[in-house]
N, C-alpha and C. Protein backbone atom coordinates (compact mmCIF):
# COMPACT_ATOMS: atom_id res chain seq x y z
N MET A 1 -20.05 -2.66 4.33
CA MET A 1 -19.25 -3.68 4.99
C MET A 1 -20.19 -4.76 5.50
N VAL A 2 -19.91 -6.01 5.13
CA VAL A 2 -20.78 -7.12 5.47
C VAL A 2 -20.07 -8.03 6.44
N VAL A 3 -20.76 -8.53 7.46
CA VAL A 3 -20.17 -9.41 8.44
C VAL A 3 -21.09 -10.59 8.70
N SER A 4 -20.50 -11.79 8.79
CA SER A 4 -21.23 -12.97 9.21
C SER A 4 -20.33 -13.76 10.13
N ARG A 5 -20.87 -14.75 10.83
CA ARG A 5 -20.07 -15.43 11.83
C ARG A 5 -20.19 -16.95 11.70
N SER A 6 -19.07 -17.62 11.99
CA SER A 6 -19.06 -19.08 12.04
C SER A 6 -17.85 -19.49 12.85
N ALA A 7 -17.98 -20.58 13.62
CA ALA A 7 -16.86 -21.04 14.43
C ALA A 7 -16.30 -22.35 13.93
N THR A 8 -16.79 -22.83 12.79
CA THR A 8 -16.42 -24.17 12.35
C THR A 8 -15.50 -24.17 11.14
N ARG A 9 -15.33 -23.05 10.48
CA ARG A 9 -14.52 -23.00 9.27
C ARG A 9 -13.45 -21.93 9.39
N HIS A 10 -12.48 -21.98 8.48
CA HIS A 10 -11.47 -20.93 8.44
C HIS A 10 -12.15 -19.61 8.11
N ARG A 11 -11.85 -18.61 8.90
CA ARG A 11 -12.49 -17.31 8.77
C ARG A 11 -11.57 -16.35 8.02
N ILE A 12 -12.07 -15.74 6.97
CA ILE A 12 -11.24 -14.79 6.22
C ILE A 12 -11.99 -13.48 6.01
N VAL A 13 -11.20 -12.42 5.85
CA VAL A 13 -11.70 -11.08 5.57
C VAL A 13 -11.10 -10.61 4.26
N LEU A 14 -11.89 -9.96 3.43
CA LEU A 14 -11.43 -9.43 2.14
C LEU A 14 -11.33 -7.91 2.24
N VAL A 15 -10.18 -7.36 1.85
CA VAL A 15 -9.97 -5.91 1.89
C VAL A 15 -9.59 -5.42 0.50
N ASP A 16 -10.50 -4.71 -0.14
CA ASP A 16 -10.28 -4.23 -1.50
C ASP A 16 -11.24 -3.07 -1.73
N ASP A 17 -10.79 -2.01 -2.38
CA ASP A 17 -11.67 -0.86 -2.55
C ASP A 17 -12.63 -1.00 -3.73
N HIS A 18 -12.60 -2.13 -4.42
CA HIS A 18 -13.52 -2.38 -5.52
C HIS A 18 -14.58 -3.38 -5.07
N ALA A 19 -15.79 -2.88 -4.83
CA ALA A 19 -16.85 -3.73 -4.30
C ALA A 19 -17.16 -4.89 -5.25
N LEU A 20 -17.10 -4.65 -6.55
CA LEU A 20 -17.42 -5.70 -7.52
C LEU A 20 -16.44 -6.86 -7.39
N TYR A 21 -15.16 -6.55 -7.21
CA TYR A 21 -14.16 -7.62 -7.07
C TYR A 21 -14.37 -8.36 -5.75
N ARG A 22 -14.62 -7.64 -4.67
CA ARG A 22 -14.86 -8.30 -3.38
C ARG A 22 -16.06 -9.24 -3.48
N ASP A 23 -17.14 -8.75 -4.10
CA ASP A 23 -18.34 -9.57 -4.22
C ASP A 23 -18.08 -10.81 -5.07
N GLY A 24 -17.29 -10.63 -6.13
CA GLY A 24 -16.99 -11.77 -7.00
C GLY A 24 -16.17 -12.83 -6.28
N LEU A 25 -15.16 -12.40 -5.54
CA LEU A 25 -14.33 -13.36 -4.82
C LEU A 25 -15.12 -14.04 -3.70
N ARG A 26 -15.95 -13.27 -3.03
CA ARG A 26 -16.80 -13.85 -1.99
C ARG A 26 -17.70 -14.94 -2.59
N ALA A 27 -18.27 -14.67 -3.76
CA ALA A 27 -19.15 -15.64 -4.42
C ALA A 27 -18.39 -16.92 -4.77
N VAL A 28 -17.16 -16.76 -5.26
CA VAL A 28 -16.35 -17.92 -5.61
C VAL A 28 -16.06 -18.77 -4.37
N LEU A 29 -15.78 -18.11 -3.26
CA LEU A 29 -15.41 -18.82 -2.04
C LEU A 29 -16.58 -19.50 -1.34
N LEU A 30 -17.80 -19.21 -1.77
CA LEU A 30 -18.97 -19.86 -1.20
C LEU A 30 -18.92 -21.38 -1.38
N SER A 31 -18.27 -21.83 -2.45
CA SER A 31 -18.20 -23.27 -2.73
C SER A 31 -17.10 -23.97 -1.91
N GLU A 32 -16.29 -23.19 -1.17
CA GLU A 32 -15.22 -23.77 -0.37
C GLU A 32 -15.76 -24.11 1.02
N ARG A 33 -15.93 -25.40 1.29
CA ARG A 33 -16.54 -25.82 2.55
C ARG A 33 -15.72 -25.44 3.78
N ALA A 34 -14.41 -25.36 3.62
CA ALA A 34 -13.56 -25.09 4.77
C ALA A 34 -13.31 -23.60 4.99
N ILE A 35 -13.94 -22.75 4.17
CA ILE A 35 -13.67 -21.32 4.23
C ILE A 35 -14.98 -20.54 4.38
N GLU A 36 -14.95 -19.53 5.23
CA GLU A 36 -16.07 -18.60 5.31
C GLU A 36 -15.55 -17.17 5.32
N VAL A 37 -16.09 -16.36 4.43
CA VAL A 37 -15.77 -14.94 4.43
C VAL A 37 -16.62 -14.29 5.52
N VAL A 38 -15.99 -13.86 6.59
CA VAL A 38 -16.73 -13.29 7.72
C VAL A 38 -16.90 -11.79 7.61
N GLY A 39 -16.29 -11.18 6.62
CA GLY A 39 -16.48 -9.75 6.42
C GLY A 39 -15.64 -9.23 5.29
N ASP A 40 -15.98 -8.04 4.80
CA ASP A 40 -15.16 -7.38 3.78
C ASP A 40 -15.13 -5.89 4.04
N ALA A 41 -14.08 -5.26 3.55
CA ALA A 41 -13.88 -3.83 3.80
C ALA A 41 -13.30 -3.17 2.57
N SER A 42 -13.59 -1.88 2.41
CA SER A 42 -13.10 -1.14 1.26
C SER A 42 -11.94 -0.21 1.60
N THR A 43 -11.69 -0.01 2.89
CA THR A 43 -10.60 0.87 3.32
C THR A 43 -9.82 0.22 4.44
N ALA A 44 -8.63 0.75 4.70
CA ALA A 44 -7.82 0.24 5.80
C ALA A 44 -8.52 0.48 7.14
N ARG A 45 -9.14 1.63 7.28
CA ARG A 45 -9.82 1.94 8.54
C ARG A 45 -10.94 0.93 8.81
N GLU A 46 -11.74 0.62 7.79
CA GLU A 46 -12.79 -0.37 7.95
C GLU A 46 -12.20 -1.74 8.29
N ALA A 47 -11.08 -2.07 7.63
CA ALA A 47 -10.44 -3.37 7.85
C ALA A 47 -9.97 -3.53 9.29
N ILE A 48 -9.36 -2.48 9.84
CA ILE A 48 -8.85 -2.55 11.21
C ILE A 48 -10.00 -2.79 12.19
N GLU A 49 -11.09 -2.06 12.01
CA GLU A 49 -12.24 -2.23 12.90
C GLU A 49 -12.84 -3.62 12.74
N LEU A 50 -12.94 -4.09 11.51
CA LEU A 50 -13.53 -5.40 11.23
C LEU A 50 -12.69 -6.53 11.80
N VAL A 51 -11.39 -6.48 11.59
CA VAL A 51 -10.50 -7.53 12.09
C VAL A 51 -10.50 -7.57 13.61
N SER A 52 -10.59 -6.41 14.24
CA SER A 52 -10.61 -6.39 15.70
C SER A 52 -11.85 -7.08 16.25
N ARG A 53 -12.95 -7.10 15.48
CA ARG A 53 -14.19 -7.71 15.94
C ARG A 53 -14.33 -9.17 15.56
N THR A 54 -13.73 -9.56 14.42
CA THR A 54 -13.98 -10.90 13.90
C THR A 54 -12.82 -11.87 14.10
N THR A 55 -11.62 -11.38 14.45
CA THR A 55 -10.42 -12.21 14.64
C THR A 55 -10.31 -13.31 13.58
N PRO A 56 -10.14 -12.93 12.32
CA PRO A 56 -10.08 -13.93 11.24
C PRO A 56 -8.77 -14.70 11.25
N ASP A 57 -8.76 -15.81 10.52
CA ASP A 57 -7.55 -16.61 10.34
C ASP A 57 -6.68 -16.02 9.22
N LEU A 58 -7.32 -15.36 8.25
CA LEU A 58 -6.60 -14.82 7.10
C LEU A 58 -7.28 -13.54 6.64
N VAL A 59 -6.47 -12.54 6.28
CA VAL A 59 -6.98 -11.32 5.67
C VAL A 59 -6.34 -11.19 4.29
N VAL A 60 -7.16 -11.04 3.27
CA VAL A 60 -6.68 -10.83 1.90
C VAL A 60 -6.66 -9.32 1.66
N VAL A 61 -5.48 -8.76 1.41
CA VAL A 61 -5.29 -7.31 1.38
C VAL A 61 -4.79 -6.83 0.02
N ASP A 62 -5.47 -5.83 -0.53
CA ASP A 62 -4.99 -5.19 -1.75
C ASP A 62 -3.84 -4.24 -1.40
N VAL A 63 -2.92 -4.06 -2.33
CA VAL A 63 -1.78 -3.18 -2.10
C VAL A 63 -2.19 -1.71 -2.12
N ARG A 64 -3.12 -1.37 -3.00
CA ARG A 64 -3.54 0.01 -3.16
C ARG A 64 -4.90 0.22 -2.53
N LEU A 65 -4.93 0.92 -1.42
CA LEU A 65 -6.18 1.27 -0.75
C LEU A 65 -6.30 2.78 -0.70
N PRO A 66 -7.50 3.31 -0.62
CA PRO A 66 -7.65 4.77 -0.71
C PRO A 66 -7.09 5.55 0.47
N ASP A 67 -6.95 4.90 1.63
CA ASP A 67 -6.52 5.66 2.81
C ASP A 67 -5.20 5.21 3.41
N GLN A 68 -4.61 4.13 2.93
CA GLN A 68 -3.38 3.63 3.55
C GLN A 68 -2.77 2.57 2.63
N PRO A 69 -1.45 2.54 2.48
CA PRO A 69 -0.83 1.48 1.67
C PRO A 69 -1.07 0.10 2.28
N GLY A 70 -1.17 -0.90 1.42
CA GLY A 70 -1.42 -2.27 1.89
C GLY A 70 -0.35 -2.77 2.84
N ALA A 71 0.91 -2.41 2.61
CA ALA A 71 1.99 -2.86 3.49
C ALA A 71 1.83 -2.25 4.88
N SER A 72 1.44 -0.99 4.94
CA SER A 72 1.24 -0.33 6.23
C SER A 72 0.09 -0.99 6.98
N LEU A 73 -0.99 -1.29 6.28
CA LEU A 73 -2.12 -1.98 6.90
C LEU A 73 -1.70 -3.36 7.39
N THR A 74 -0.90 -4.05 6.60
CA THR A 74 -0.44 -5.38 6.98
C THR A 74 0.32 -5.34 8.29
N ARG A 75 1.23 -4.37 8.44
CA ARG A 75 1.97 -4.23 9.69
C ARG A 75 1.03 -3.99 10.87
N GLU A 76 0.04 -3.15 10.64
CA GLU A 76 -0.89 -2.83 11.73
C GLU A 76 -1.73 -4.04 12.12
N LEU A 77 -2.20 -4.78 11.12
CA LEU A 77 -3.00 -5.97 11.41
C LEU A 77 -2.18 -7.03 12.13
N ARG A 78 -0.92 -7.14 11.76
CA ARG A 78 -0.04 -8.12 12.42
C ARG A 78 0.22 -7.74 13.87
N ARG A 79 0.30 -6.44 14.13
CA ARG A 79 0.45 -5.99 15.52
C ARG A 79 -0.80 -6.30 16.32
N MET A 80 -1.96 -6.12 15.69
CA MET A 80 -3.23 -6.35 16.37
C MET A 80 -3.49 -7.83 16.61
N GLN A 81 -3.25 -8.63 15.56
CA GLN A 81 -3.57 -10.05 15.59
C GLN A 81 -2.35 -10.84 15.09
N PRO A 82 -1.37 -11.10 15.94
CA PRO A 82 -0.14 -11.75 15.49
C PRO A 82 -0.34 -13.12 14.84
N ARG A 83 -1.43 -13.81 15.19
CA ARG A 83 -1.66 -15.14 14.62
C ARG A 83 -2.42 -15.09 13.30
N CYS A 84 -2.93 -13.92 12.96
CA CYS A 84 -3.66 -13.77 11.70
C CYS A 84 -2.68 -13.70 10.53
N ARG A 85 -2.97 -14.42 9.47
CA ARG A 85 -2.10 -14.43 8.30
C ARG A 85 -2.64 -13.44 7.26
N ILE A 86 -1.73 -12.85 6.50
CA ILE A 86 -2.09 -11.84 5.50
C ILE A 86 -1.64 -12.32 4.12
N LEU A 87 -2.54 -12.26 3.15
CA LEU A 87 -2.22 -12.57 1.76
C LEU A 87 -2.43 -11.31 0.93
N GLY A 88 -1.39 -10.85 0.23
CA GLY A 88 -1.53 -9.72 -0.68
C GLY A 88 -2.22 -10.19 -1.95
N LEU A 89 -3.12 -9.37 -2.48
CA LEU A 89 -3.82 -9.67 -3.74
C LEU A 89 -4.06 -8.37 -4.46
N SER A 90 -3.45 -8.20 -5.63
CA SER A 90 -3.52 -6.91 -6.32
C SER A 90 -3.22 -7.08 -7.80
N MET A 91 -3.52 -6.03 -8.56
CA MET A 91 -3.08 -5.97 -9.96
C MET A 91 -1.61 -5.59 -10.06
N VAL A 92 -1.07 -4.98 -9.02
CA VAL A 92 0.32 -4.52 -9.02
C VAL A 92 1.26 -5.72 -8.94
N GLU A 93 2.24 -5.78 -9.86
CA GLU A 93 3.15 -6.92 -9.93
C GLU A 93 4.60 -6.54 -9.76
N THR A 94 4.90 -5.28 -9.46
CA THR A 94 6.30 -4.87 -9.35
C THR A 94 6.95 -5.55 -8.15
N SER A 95 8.20 -5.94 -8.32
CA SER A 95 8.92 -6.69 -7.29
C SER A 95 8.99 -5.93 -5.98
N TYR A 96 9.20 -4.61 -6.03
CA TYR A 96 9.33 -3.84 -4.80
C TYR A 96 8.03 -3.82 -4.01
N CYS A 97 6.89 -3.71 -4.71
CA CYS A 97 5.61 -3.71 -4.00
C CYS A 97 5.36 -5.06 -3.33
N VAL A 98 5.68 -6.13 -4.04
CA VAL A 98 5.52 -7.47 -3.48
C VAL A 98 6.43 -7.63 -2.26
N THR A 99 7.68 -7.19 -2.41
CA THR A 99 8.64 -7.31 -1.32
C THR A 99 8.19 -6.53 -0.10
N GLU A 100 7.64 -5.34 -0.30
CA GLU A 100 7.16 -4.54 0.83
C GLU A 100 6.07 -5.28 1.60
N MET A 101 5.20 -5.96 0.87
CA MET A 101 4.15 -6.72 1.55
C MET A 101 4.75 -7.86 2.37
N LEU A 102 5.73 -8.56 1.81
CA LEU A 102 6.35 -9.67 2.52
C LEU A 102 7.11 -9.17 3.74
N ARG A 103 7.83 -8.07 3.58
CA ARG A 103 8.57 -7.51 4.72
C ARG A 103 7.63 -7.03 5.81
N ALA A 104 6.44 -6.61 5.42
CA ALA A 104 5.46 -6.14 6.41
C ALA A 104 4.83 -7.28 7.18
N GLY A 105 5.00 -8.51 6.67
CA GLY A 105 4.46 -9.66 7.39
C GLY A 105 3.50 -10.51 6.62
N ALA A 106 3.24 -10.19 5.33
CA ALA A 106 2.36 -11.02 4.52
C ALA A 106 3.00 -12.38 4.27
N VAL A 107 2.19 -13.43 4.20
CA VAL A 107 2.71 -14.78 3.96
C VAL A 107 2.74 -15.10 2.47
N GLY A 108 2.17 -14.23 1.65
CA GLY A 108 2.18 -14.51 0.23
C GLY A 108 1.60 -13.36 -0.57
N TYR A 109 1.61 -13.54 -1.89
CA TYR A 109 1.16 -12.48 -2.78
C TYR A 109 0.62 -13.12 -4.05
N ALA A 110 -0.65 -12.86 -4.33
CA ALA A 110 -1.29 -13.33 -5.56
C ALA A 110 -1.62 -12.12 -6.43
N VAL A 111 -1.88 -12.38 -7.71
CA VAL A 111 -2.15 -11.32 -8.68
C VAL A 111 -3.57 -11.49 -9.22
N LYS A 112 -4.30 -10.40 -9.31
CA LYS A 112 -5.70 -10.47 -9.72
C LYS A 112 -5.89 -11.04 -11.12
N SER A 113 -4.87 -10.92 -11.97
CA SER A 113 -5.00 -11.42 -13.33
C SER A 113 -4.81 -12.94 -13.42
N GLN A 114 -4.47 -13.58 -12.31
CA GLN A 114 -4.36 -15.04 -12.30
C GLN A 114 -5.75 -15.67 -12.47
N PRO A 115 -5.79 -16.92 -12.95
CA PRO A 115 -7.07 -17.63 -12.98
C PRO A 115 -7.66 -17.72 -11.58
N THR A 116 -8.95 -17.71 -11.50
CA THR A 116 -9.62 -17.75 -10.20
C THR A 116 -9.18 -18.95 -9.38
N GLU A 117 -8.98 -20.10 -10.03
CA GLU A 117 -8.59 -21.32 -9.31
C GLU A 117 -7.26 -21.12 -8.60
N GLU A 118 -6.34 -20.38 -9.23
CA GLU A 118 -5.04 -20.14 -8.62
C GLU A 118 -5.16 -19.22 -7.41
N ILE A 119 -6.04 -18.23 -7.48
CA ILE A 119 -6.22 -17.32 -6.35
C ILE A 119 -6.82 -18.07 -5.17
N VAL A 120 -7.78 -18.94 -5.45
CA VAL A 120 -8.37 -19.75 -4.38
C VAL A 120 -7.31 -20.66 -3.77
N GLU A 121 -6.45 -21.23 -4.61
CA GLU A 121 -5.38 -22.09 -4.11
C GLU A 121 -4.40 -21.29 -3.26
N ALA A 122 -4.14 -20.04 -3.65
CA ALA A 122 -3.27 -19.18 -2.84
C ALA A 122 -3.85 -18.98 -1.45
N ILE A 123 -5.16 -18.82 -1.37
CA ILE A 123 -5.84 -18.67 -0.08
C ILE A 123 -5.71 -19.95 0.73
N ARG A 124 -5.91 -21.09 0.08
CA ARG A 124 -5.80 -22.38 0.78
C ARG A 124 -4.39 -22.58 1.35
N ILE A 125 -3.38 -22.29 0.52
CA ILE A 125 -1.99 -22.46 0.95
C ILE A 125 -1.69 -21.55 2.13
N SER A 126 -2.15 -20.32 2.06
CA SER A 126 -1.92 -19.36 3.15
C SER A 126 -2.57 -19.83 4.44
N LEU A 127 -3.76 -20.37 4.33
CA LEU A 127 -4.45 -20.87 5.52
C LEU A 127 -3.75 -22.09 6.11
N ARG A 128 -3.10 -22.88 5.26
CA ARG A 128 -2.37 -24.06 5.75
C ARG A 128 -1.03 -23.70 6.37
N GLY A 129 -0.66 -22.44 6.28
CA GLY A 129 0.62 -22.03 6.86
C GLY A 129 1.75 -21.96 5.86
N GLY A 130 1.43 -22.12 4.58
CA GLY A 130 2.47 -22.07 3.55
C GLY A 130 2.73 -20.66 3.07
N ARG A 131 3.75 -20.53 2.24
CA ARG A 131 4.12 -19.24 1.64
C ARG A 131 3.79 -19.31 0.16
N TYR A 132 3.11 -18.28 -0.36
CA TYR A 132 2.66 -18.32 -1.75
C TYR A 132 3.14 -17.09 -2.50
N LEU A 133 3.65 -17.32 -3.71
CA LEU A 133 3.93 -16.24 -4.65
C LEU A 133 3.38 -16.64 -6.01
N ALA A 134 2.70 -15.73 -6.66
CA ALA A 134 2.14 -16.02 -7.97
C ALA A 134 3.23 -16.51 -8.91
N PRO A 135 2.95 -17.52 -9.72
CA PRO A 135 3.98 -18.10 -10.61
C PRO A 135 4.65 -17.09 -11.53
N ARG A 136 3.92 -16.04 -11.92
CA ARG A 136 4.48 -15.08 -12.87
C ARG A 136 5.46 -14.11 -12.21
N LEU A 137 5.52 -14.08 -10.89
CA LEU A 137 6.43 -13.18 -10.20
C LEU A 137 7.85 -13.75 -10.14
N PRO A 138 8.88 -12.89 -10.17
CA PRO A 138 10.27 -13.35 -10.09
C PRO A 138 10.64 -13.77 -8.68
N ARG A 139 10.33 -15.01 -8.33
CA ARG A 139 10.44 -15.49 -6.96
C ARG A 139 11.83 -15.28 -6.37
N ALA A 140 12.88 -15.68 -7.09
CA ALA A 140 14.23 -15.60 -6.55
C ALA A 140 14.61 -14.16 -6.21
N HIS A 141 14.28 -13.24 -7.11
CA HIS A 141 14.62 -11.83 -6.89
C HIS A 141 13.83 -11.26 -5.71
N ILE A 142 12.55 -11.57 -5.64
CA ILE A 142 11.70 -11.06 -4.57
C ILE A 142 12.16 -11.60 -3.22
N GLU A 143 12.45 -12.89 -3.16
CA GLU A 143 12.87 -13.47 -1.88
C GLU A 143 14.23 -12.93 -1.45
N ALA A 144 15.11 -12.65 -2.43
CA ALA A 144 16.41 -12.07 -2.09
C ALA A 144 16.23 -10.67 -1.48
N MET A 145 15.33 -9.88 -2.08
CA MET A 145 15.07 -8.55 -1.54
C MET A 145 14.40 -8.64 -0.18
N ALA A 146 13.44 -9.56 -0.04
CA ALA A 146 12.73 -9.70 1.24
C ALA A 146 13.67 -10.12 2.36
N ASN A 147 14.70 -10.90 2.00
CA ASN A 147 15.67 -11.36 2.99
C ASN A 147 16.84 -10.41 3.17
N GLY A 148 16.81 -9.28 2.47
CA GLY A 148 17.86 -8.29 2.61
C GLY A 148 19.11 -8.59 1.81
N GLU A 149 19.00 -9.53 0.85
CA GLU A 149 20.18 -9.90 0.06
C GLU A 149 20.34 -9.05 -1.19
N ALA A 150 19.31 -8.30 -1.54
CA ALA A 150 19.38 -7.41 -2.70
C ALA A 150 18.84 -6.06 -2.28
N ALA A 151 19.50 -5.00 -2.64
CA ALA A 151 19.11 -3.66 -2.21
C ALA A 151 18.36 -2.93 -3.31
N GLY A 152 17.32 -2.22 -2.95
CA GLY A 152 16.60 -1.38 -3.87
C GLY A 152 16.90 0.07 -3.58
N PRO A 153 16.44 0.98 -4.44
CA PRO A 153 16.78 2.40 -4.28
C PRO A 153 16.17 3.05 -3.04
N VAL A 154 15.15 2.43 -2.45
CA VAL A 154 14.54 3.04 -1.27
C VAL A 154 14.79 2.22 -0.01
N ASP A 155 15.70 1.27 -0.07
CA ASP A 155 15.97 0.43 1.09
C ASP A 155 16.58 1.22 2.24
N MET A 156 17.10 2.40 1.95
CA MET A 156 17.69 3.22 3.02
C MET A 156 16.61 3.93 3.84
N LEU A 157 15.37 3.88 3.40
CA LEU A 157 14.29 4.54 4.13
C LEU A 157 13.82 3.67 5.29
N SER A 158 13.42 4.34 6.37
CA SER A 158 12.83 3.62 7.50
C SER A 158 11.44 3.13 7.09
N PRO A 159 10.85 2.17 7.85
CA PRO A 159 9.50 1.71 7.53
C PRO A 159 8.49 2.85 7.44
N ARG A 160 8.54 3.79 8.38
CA ARG A 160 7.60 4.91 8.33
C ARG A 160 7.86 5.80 7.13
N GLU A 161 9.13 6.05 6.81
CA GLU A 161 9.45 6.86 5.64
C GLU A 161 8.97 6.18 4.37
N ARG A 162 9.05 4.85 4.33
CA ARG A 162 8.57 4.14 3.14
C ARG A 162 7.06 4.27 3.00
N GLU A 163 6.33 4.28 4.11
CA GLU A 163 4.89 4.49 4.07
C GLU A 163 4.58 5.89 3.52
N VAL A 164 5.33 6.88 3.99
CA VAL A 164 5.14 8.25 3.51
C VAL A 164 5.50 8.33 2.02
N PHE A 165 6.61 7.69 1.65
CA PHE A 165 7.04 7.66 0.24
C PHE A 165 5.92 7.12 -0.65
N ASP A 166 5.31 5.99 -0.25
CA ASP A 166 4.26 5.37 -1.05
C ASP A 166 3.09 6.32 -1.26
N LEU A 167 2.76 7.09 -0.25
CA LEU A 167 1.64 8.03 -0.36
C LEU A 167 2.01 9.25 -1.20
N LEU A 168 3.26 9.72 -1.04
CA LEU A 168 3.70 10.89 -1.82
C LEU A 168 3.70 10.60 -3.31
N ILE A 169 4.15 9.41 -3.71
CA ILE A 169 4.21 9.11 -5.15
C ILE A 169 2.83 8.83 -5.73
N GLU A 170 1.83 8.70 -4.85
CA GLU A 170 0.44 8.62 -5.32
C GLU A 170 -0.14 10.02 -5.53
N GLY A 171 0.65 11.05 -5.20
CA GLY A 171 0.20 12.42 -5.42
C GLY A 171 -0.43 13.09 -4.21
N ARG A 172 -0.25 12.50 -3.03
CA ARG A 172 -0.86 13.08 -1.83
C ARG A 172 0.02 14.18 -1.24
N SER A 173 -0.62 15.21 -0.72
CA SER A 173 0.10 16.28 -0.05
C SER A 173 0.53 15.82 1.33
N SER A 174 1.39 16.60 1.98
CA SER A 174 1.83 16.27 3.33
C SER A 174 0.63 16.21 4.28
N GLU A 175 -0.35 17.09 4.07
CA GLU A 175 -1.53 17.10 4.93
C GLU A 175 -2.32 15.80 4.78
N ARG A 176 -2.46 15.33 3.54
CA ARG A 176 -3.23 14.09 3.31
C ARG A 176 -2.43 12.88 3.78
N VAL A 177 -1.11 12.94 3.68
CA VAL A 177 -0.27 11.87 4.22
C VAL A 177 -0.47 11.79 5.73
N ALA A 178 -0.48 12.95 6.38
CA ALA A 178 -0.67 12.99 7.83
C ALA A 178 -2.00 12.38 8.23
N MET A 179 -3.05 12.68 7.48
CA MET A 179 -4.37 12.13 7.78
C MET A 179 -4.38 10.62 7.59
N ALA A 180 -3.77 10.13 6.51
CA ALA A 180 -3.79 8.70 6.21
C ALA A 180 -3.04 7.89 7.26
N LEU A 181 -1.96 8.47 7.80
CA LEU A 181 -1.12 7.74 8.75
C LEU A 181 -1.36 8.15 10.20
N SER A 182 -2.32 9.04 10.41
CA SER A 182 -2.65 9.50 11.77
C SER A 182 -1.43 10.09 12.48
N ILE A 183 -0.72 10.97 11.77
CA ILE A 183 0.42 11.66 12.35
C ILE A 183 0.22 13.16 12.15
N ALA A 184 1.03 13.94 12.84
CA ALA A 184 0.91 15.40 12.73
C ALA A 184 1.41 15.86 11.35
N PRO A 185 0.79 16.90 10.78
CA PRO A 185 1.25 17.43 9.49
C PRO A 185 2.74 17.80 9.51
N ARG A 186 3.21 18.37 10.63
CA ARG A 186 4.62 18.74 10.71
C ARG A 186 5.51 17.49 10.65
N THR A 187 5.06 16.39 11.26
CA THR A 187 5.82 15.14 11.20
C THR A 187 5.86 14.60 9.78
N ALA A 188 4.72 14.67 9.10
CA ALA A 188 4.67 14.20 7.71
C ALA A 188 5.61 15.01 6.83
N GLU A 189 5.65 16.33 7.05
CA GLU A 189 6.53 17.19 6.27
C GLU A 189 8.00 16.88 6.57
N THR A 190 8.31 16.59 7.84
CA THR A 190 9.68 16.23 8.20
C THR A 190 10.08 14.93 7.50
N HIS A 191 9.18 13.95 7.48
CA HIS A 191 9.46 12.70 6.77
C HIS A 191 9.70 12.97 5.28
N ARG A 192 8.88 13.85 4.70
CA ARG A 192 9.03 14.17 3.27
C ARG A 192 10.41 14.75 2.98
N GLN A 193 10.84 15.67 3.83
CA GLN A 193 12.15 16.28 3.63
C GLN A 193 13.27 15.24 3.81
N ASN A 194 13.15 14.38 4.81
CA ASN A 194 14.17 13.35 5.03
C ASN A 194 14.25 12.38 3.86
N ILE A 195 13.09 12.03 3.31
CA ILE A 195 13.05 11.12 2.16
C ILE A 195 13.77 11.75 0.97
N MET A 196 13.50 12.98 0.69
CA MET A 196 14.12 13.66 -0.44
C MET A 196 15.62 13.78 -0.25
N THR A 197 16.04 14.06 0.98
CA THR A 197 17.47 14.16 1.26
C THR A 197 18.16 12.81 1.05
N LYS A 198 17.57 11.75 1.59
CA LYS A 198 18.17 10.42 1.47
C LYS A 198 18.24 9.95 0.01
N LEU A 199 17.21 10.29 -0.78
CA LEU A 199 17.15 9.80 -2.16
C LEU A 199 17.78 10.78 -3.16
N GLY A 200 18.20 11.94 -2.67
CA GLY A 200 18.87 12.90 -3.54
C GLY A 200 17.97 13.56 -4.56
N VAL A 201 16.71 13.78 -4.21
CA VAL A 201 15.78 14.46 -5.12
C VAL A 201 15.36 15.77 -4.48
N HIS A 202 14.82 16.67 -5.32
CA HIS A 202 14.52 18.01 -4.83
C HIS A 202 13.07 18.41 -5.02
N SER A 203 12.25 17.53 -5.55
CA SER A 203 10.84 17.86 -5.75
C SER A 203 10.04 16.56 -5.84
N ILE A 204 8.72 16.71 -5.71
CA ILE A 204 7.84 15.54 -5.85
C ILE A 204 7.92 14.98 -7.27
N VAL A 205 8.09 15.85 -8.24
CA VAL A 205 8.23 15.38 -9.63
C VAL A 205 9.43 14.45 -9.76
N GLU A 206 10.55 14.84 -9.18
CA GLU A 206 11.75 13.99 -9.23
C GLU A 206 11.54 12.70 -8.44
N LEU A 207 10.80 12.79 -7.34
CA LEU A 207 10.52 11.60 -6.54
C LEU A 207 9.69 10.61 -7.34
N VAL A 208 8.67 11.11 -8.02
CA VAL A 208 7.82 10.24 -8.84
C VAL A 208 8.63 9.66 -10.00
N ARG A 209 9.51 10.47 -10.59
CA ARG A 209 10.34 9.97 -11.69
C ARG A 209 11.25 8.84 -11.21
N LEU A 210 11.84 9.00 -10.03
CA LEU A 210 12.68 7.94 -9.46
C LEU A 210 11.86 6.68 -9.22
N ALA A 211 10.65 6.85 -8.70
CA ALA A 211 9.79 5.70 -8.44
C ALA A 211 9.45 4.98 -9.74
N ALA A 212 9.17 5.75 -10.80
CA ALA A 212 8.83 5.14 -12.09
C ALA A 212 10.02 4.39 -12.68
N GLN A 213 11.22 4.96 -12.54
CA GLN A 213 12.42 4.33 -13.09
C GLN A 213 12.69 2.97 -12.45
N HIS A 214 12.27 2.81 -11.21
CA HIS A 214 12.56 1.57 -10.49
C HIS A 214 11.34 0.70 -10.29
N GLY A 215 10.29 0.97 -11.07
CA GLY A 215 9.10 0.12 -11.02
C GLY A 215 8.33 0.19 -9.74
N LEU A 216 8.39 1.33 -9.06
CA LEU A 216 7.73 1.45 -7.76
C LEU A 216 6.33 2.04 -7.85
N LEU A 217 5.95 2.53 -9.02
CA LEU A 217 4.62 3.13 -9.16
C LEU A 217 3.55 2.08 -9.31
N GLY A 218 3.93 0.87 -9.74
CA GLY A 218 2.94 -0.18 -9.96
C GLY A 218 2.07 0.16 -11.15
N GLU A 219 0.87 -0.41 -11.16
CA GLU A 219 -0.10 -0.18 -12.22
C GLU A 219 -1.39 0.26 -11.58
N PRO A 220 -2.24 0.93 -12.36
CA PRO A 220 -3.56 1.28 -11.80
C PRO A 220 -4.25 0.02 -11.36
N ASP A 221 -4.78 0.02 -10.15
CA ASP A 221 -5.42 -1.20 -9.61
C ASP A 221 -6.78 -1.40 -10.24
N ALA A 222 -7.25 -2.63 -10.16
CA ALA A 222 -8.57 -2.96 -10.72
C ALA A 222 -9.18 -4.03 -9.88
């Protein structure tokens, strides 16, 4: 984790579990006079500690992190630093994943497969207070879901249940879910049972199948 300080430019933090991608984006942003990357992190835990120390203007967050879903981290960062803006940046392009980030408080969502110039522009727009969605994403559908005008198969889940759901479909046990979310194993198991009851499934296999049918698994991140 690298940290530097400046009081004259927009301060941003990069959160991604791929060091090569973080380093590449940091290098690209060196040419932006109005932007300084004040730190980067590979996990949600590192990001929380870093943001608490650096109070950045913008945090760029990947959806898939090894210890916590990006949407869950976004909610936590927004609670910590209400004025800090969050931009999602990931290989995952499914509408539900994008919507979860927006509902959690992200101001926009870019895709790693976009040209570098577009990703930098997404950062600029987010810093200016604008809302950004990658051109290839179905904007109307995503905004309808984010505004509650379109229902998805897991919309009946509470925010905490959705965090547990995201971890379960990644193949994590109740014990590992509990560790990732800092909750008791019994609480994680209760959430798992409630999720299955609400969604009408009887096993993790069925839960993963439901997630795949509705595009909730996303793609392997890069």
